[in-house]
C-alpha atoms as a PDB file:
ATOM      1  CA  MET A   1      -7.624 -31.088  12.430  1.00  0.00           C
ATOM      2  CA  PRO A   2      -6.902 -27.745  14.150  1.00  0.00           C
ATOM      3  CA  VAL A   3      -5.763 -24.766  12.135  1.00  0.00           C
ATOM      4  CA  GLU A   4      -2.646 -22.997  13.354  1.00  0.00           C
ATOM      5  CA  ILE A   5      -2.110 -19.335  12.530  1.00  0.00           C
ATOM      6  CA  LYS A   6       1.590 -18.551  12.437  1.00  0.00           C
ATOM      7  CA  GLU A   7       1.352 -14.968  11.285  1.00  0.00           C
ATOM      8  CA  LEU A   8      -1.296 -12.303  11.742  1.00  0.00           C
ATOM      9  CA  ILE A   9      -1.161  -9.165   9.633  1.00  0.00           C
ATOM     10  CA  ILE A  10      -3.386  -6.215  10.478  1.00  0.00           C
ATOM     11  CA  ARG A  11      -3.489  -3.321   8.075  1.00  0.00           C
ATOM     12  CA  ALA A  12      -5.283  -0.028   8.513  1.00  0.00           C
ATOM     13  CA  ASN A  13      -5.517   3.029   6.318  1.00  0.00           C
ATOM     14  CA  ILE A  14      -6.027   6.303   8.137  1.00  0.00           C
ATOM     15  CA  VAL A  15      -6.943   9.268   6.011  1.00  0.00           C
ATOM     16  CA  SER A  16      -6.792  12.732   7.513  1.00  0.00           C
ATOM     17  CA  LYS A  17      -8.636  15.693   6.106  1.00  0.00           C
ATOM     18  CA  ASN A  18      -6.518  18.645   5.014  1.00  0.00           C
ATOM     19  CA  ASP A  19      -9.287  21.168   5.645  1.00  0.00           C
ATOM     20  CA  SER A  20      -9.773  22.623   9.104  1.00  0.00           C
ATOM     21  CA  SER A  21     -11.749  20.314  11.364  1.00  0.00           C
ATOM     22  CA  SER A  22     -13.517  21.258  14.535  1.00  0.00           C
ATOM     23  CA  LYS A  23     -12.227  19.999  17.869  1.00  0.00           C
ATOM     24  CA  PHE A  24     -15.314  17.784  18.253  1.00  0.00           C
ATOM     25  CA  GLU A  25     -14.557  15.916  15.027  1.00  0.00           C
ATOM     26  CA  ILE A  26     -10.997  15.250  16.128  1.00  0.00           C
ATOM     27  CA  GLU A  27     -12.144  13.939  19.512  1.00  0.00           C
ATOM     28  CA  SER A  28     -14.829  11.734  17.955  1.00  0.00           C
ATOM     29  CA  ASN A  29     -12.263  10.272  15.539  1.00  0.00           C
ATOM     30  CA  SER A  30     -10.023   9.464  18.485  1.00  0.00           C
ATOM     31  CA  THR A  31     -12.942   7.803  20.272  1.00  0.00           C
ATOM     32  CA  GLU A  32     -13.829   5.796  17.170  1.00  0.00           C
ATOM     33  CA  LYS A  33     -10.231   4.636  16.813  1.00  0.00           C
ATOM     34  CA  GLN A  34     -10.141   3.515  20.435  1.00  0.00           C
ATOM     35  CA  GLU A  35     -13.416   1.605  19.976  1.00  0.00           C
ATOM     36  CA  ILE A  36     -12.002  -0.159  16.922  1.00  0.00           C
ATOM     37  CA  ILE A  37      -8.806  -1.031  18.781  1.00  0.00           C
ATOM     38  CA  ALA A  38     -10.802  -2.367  21.743  1.00  0.00           C
ATOM     39  CA  ALA A  39     -12.907  -4.535  19.426  1.00  0.00           C
ATOM     40  CA  CYS A  40      -9.781  -5.948  17.756  1.00  0.00           C
ATOM     41  CA  VAL A  41      -8.162  -6.712  21.094  1.00  0.00           C
ATOM     42  CA  ALA A  42     -11.316  -8.482  22.286  1.00  0.00           C
ATOM     43  CA  GLN A  43     -11.392 -10.663  19.174  1.00  0.00           C
ATOM     44  CA  VAL A  44      -7.705 -11.571  19.519  1.00  0.00           C
ATOM     45  CA  LEU A  45      -8.223 -12.495  23.173  1.00  0.00           C
ATOM     46  CA  LYS A  46     -11.166 -14.748  22.233  1.00  0.00           C
ATOM     47  CA  ILE A  47      -9.004 -16.493  19.642  1.00  0.00           C
ATOM     48  CA  LEU A  48      -6.243 -17.025  22.205  1.00  0.00           C
ATOM     49  CA  GLU A  49      -8.720 -18.408  24.755  1.00  0.00           C
ATOM     50  CA  ARG A  50     -10.077 -20.862  22.186  1.00  0.00           C
ATOM     51  CA  LYS A  51      -6.519 -21.898  21.351  1.00  0.00           C
ATOM     52  CA  GLN A  52      -5.760 -22.635  25.014  1.00  0.00           C
ATOM     53  CA  GLU A  53      -8.925 -24.752  25.363  1.00  0.00           C
ATOM     54  CA  ARG A  54      -7.663 -27.185  22.728  1.00  0.00           C
END
């Protein structure tokens, strides 16, 4: 029996430092965020492909 997901909730907590950060740290955080987003999108696309195969 296939499982149907009717609602998908994604939660993320982003904590910023109040102390002064170097420009490199800010850029690396942005890169890390983009990598995480890309990984999430890839997983969602795989789920959708599997759903279409059924």
